[in-house]
Amino acid sequence: MKKFAIRKIRKGEKKSGKYARELRKNMPEAEHRLWCFLHNKQLDNYRFRRQHPVGKYIADFACVRERLIIEVDGATHGEPDEVTYDEARTAFLRSQGWKIVRYGNEEICKNIDDVLGDIDAHLRGLKT
């Protein structure tokens, strides 16, 4: 019989957890493409979670062991409101001990090998 870890729900995660489940069902193409390389410990045996709640925010991908969050930015992330939101979000996540790495949709779709190499370097501590 497989045992499941019971994770304590932290303040602000109840709503974000429900929303995260919805996001997992409707992943954009770039996120889906990246997930194909990250799930099942395919990247140097590191385990990633997709649409992982952290407080009131949801990380696109998270390696909990290394405290690394990977964010996939679409076209709207250049808008002033989105930039302000992303800055506040990043500040919160860093205050919780997470490192954040960002990649654009186009970068993932056109240069997946470079993106995976960069993620690998962050996981190994070669990049900060």
Protein backbone atom coordinates (compact mmCIF):
# COMPACT_ATOMS: atom_id res chain seq x y z
CA MET A 1 0.00 0.00 0.00
CA LYS A 2 1.36 3.40 -1.00
CA LYS A 3 1.65 5.98 1.76
CA PHE A 4 0.78 9.58 1.07
CA ALA A 5 2.36 12.45 2.91
CA ILE A 6 -0.16 14.65 4.66
CA ARG A 7 0.80 18.25 4.19
CA LYS A 8 -0.49 20.86 6.58
CA ILE A 9 -2.43 23.58 4.73
CA ARG A 10 -0.87 26.94 5.43
CA LYS A 11 -2.73 30.22 5.73
CA GLY A 12 -3.92 31.43 2.32
CA GLU A 13 -3.42 28.07 0.59
CA LYS A 14 -6.93 26.69 0.75
CA LYS A 15 -8.19 28.94 -2.04
CA SER A 16 -4.95 28.84 -4.00
CA GLY A 17 -4.91 25.02 -3.87
CA LYS A 18 -8.32 24.82 -5.53
CA TYR A 19 -7.26 27.33 -8.18
CA ALA A 20 -4.00 25.41 -8.73
CA ARG A 21 -5.98 22.26 -9.59
CA GLU A 22 -7.86 24.23 -12.23
CA LEU A 23 -4.62 25.63 -13.66
CA ARG A 24 -3.16 22.11 -13.95
CA LYS A 25 -6.06 21.14 -16.19
CA ASN A 26 -5.54 24.12 -18.54
CA MET A 27 -1.79 24.61 -18.90
CA PRO A 28 -0.59 26.92 -21.69
CA GLU A 29 1.50 25.31 -24.45
CA ALA A 30 4.88 26.51 -23.14
CA GLU A 31 4.15 25.26 -19.62
CA HIS A 32 2.97 21.92 -20.97
CA ARG A 33 6.11 21.60 -23.08
CA LEU A 34 8.37 22.33 -20.10
CA TRP A 35 6.39 19.98 -17.86
CA CYS A 36 7.05 17.15 -20.32
CA PHE A 37 10.75 17.45 -19.38
CA LEU A 38 10.34 18.10 -15.65
CA HIS A 39 7.79 15.55 -14.45
CA ASN A 40 8.72 12.08 -13.18
CA LYS A 41 12.16 13.28 -12.05
CA GLN A 42 13.45 13.45 -15.63
CA LEU A 43 15.83 16.33 -14.92
CA ASP A 44 18.70 14.79 -12.89
CA ASN A 45 16.23 13.06 -10.56
CA TYR A 46 14.87 16.35 -9.17
CA ARG A 47 11.18 16.25 -8.32
CA PHE A 48 9.06 19.14 -9.54
CA ARG A 49 5.51 20.09 -8.73
CA ARG A 50 3.38 22.04 -11.16
CA GLN A 51 1.04 24.84 -10.11
CA HIS A 52 2.38 24.63 -6.56
CA PRO A 53 0.67 26.89 -3.97
CA VAL A 54 2.98 29.05 -1.86
CA GLY A 55 0.90 31.24 0.42
CA LYS A 56 -1.65 33.10 -1.67
CA TYR A 57 0.45 32.63 -4.84
CA ILE A 58 0.81 29.72 -7.23
CA ALA A 59 4.21 28.86 -8.68
CA ASP A 60 4.19 27.44 -12.21
CA PHE A 61 6.78 24.81 -11.23
CA ALA A 62 8.59 24.20 -7.94
CA CYS A 63 11.41 21.97 -6.82
CA VAL A 64 10.71 21.94 -3.09
CA ARG A 65 13.97 20.18 -2.16
CA GLU A 66 16.08 22.95 -3.73
CA ARG A 67 13.56 25.75 -3.03
CA LEU A 68 13.57 26.69 -6.73
CA ILE A 69 10.54 28.13 -8.51
CA ILE A 70 10.33 28.26 -12.28
CA GLU A 71 7.96 30.85 -13.72
CA VAL A 72 6.80 30.83 -17.33
CA ASP A 73 5.94 34.33 -18.51
CA GLY A 74 3.47 34.92 -21.30
CA ALA A 75 2.89 38.02 -23.38
CA THR A 76 0.94 39.86 -20.65
CA HIS A 77 3.85 39.83 -18.20
CA GLY A 78 5.25 42.96 -19.84
CA GLU A 79 2.17 45.04 -18.97
CA PRO A 80 2.69 47.60 -16.15
CA ASP A 81 0.08 46.02 -13.85
CA GLU A 82 1.58 42.55 -14.36
CA VAL A 83 5.10 43.83 -13.73
CA THR A 84 4.00 45.36 -10.42
CA TYR A 85 2.18 42.15 -9.45
CA ASP A 86 5.18 39.98 -10.42
CA GLU A 87 7.55 42.16 -8.37
CA ALA A 88 5.36 41.87 -5.25
CA ARG A 89 4.96 38.14 -5.82
CA THR A 90 8.69 37.63 -6.30
CA ALA A 91 9.46 39.62 -3.14
CA PHE A 92 7.06 37.45 -1.13
CA LEU A 93 8.42 34.18 -2.54
CA ARG A 94 12.01 35.24 -1.84
CA SER A 95 11.03 36.19 1.71
CA GLN A 96 9.85 32.59 2.10
CA GLY A 97 13.28 31.29 1.02
CA TRP A 98 12.58 30.50 -2.64
CA LYS A 99 14.82 31.23 -5.63
CA ILE A 100 12.87 32.31 -8.71
CA VAL A 101 13.87 31.74 -12.34
CA ARG A 102 11.80 33.16 -15.19
CA TYR A 103 11.52 32.09 -18.82
CA GLY A 104 9.31 33.47 -21.57
CA ASN A 105 6.91 31.31 -23.57
CA GLU A 106 8.88 31.89 -26.75
CA GLU A 107 12.18 30.98 -25.09
CA ILE A 108 10.76 27.65 -23.92
CA CYS A 109 9.21 26.81 -27.28
CA LYS A 110 12.29 27.71 -29.34
CA ASN A 111 15.21 26.87 -27.00
CA ILE A 112 14.05 24.13 -24.64
CA ASP A 113 17.56 22.60 -24.41
CA ASP A 114 19.04 25.93 -23.27
CA VAL A 115 16.22 26.40 -20.75
CA LEU A 116 16.73 22.90 -19.32
CA GLY A 117 20.49 23.48 -19.11
CA ASP A 118 19.91 26.74 -17.26
CA ILE A 119 17.46 25.09 -14.83
CA ASP A 120 19.99 22.31 -14.24
CA ALA A 121 22.68 24.90 -13.46
CA HIS A 122 20.38 26.58 -10.92
CA LEU A 123 19.58 23.24 -9.29
CA ARG A 124 23.27 22.39 -8.96
CA GLY A 125 23.98 25.78 -7.41
CA LEU A 126 26.10 26.93 -10.34
CA LYS A 127 23.84 29.95 -10.80
CA THR A 128 22.13 32.17 -8.26
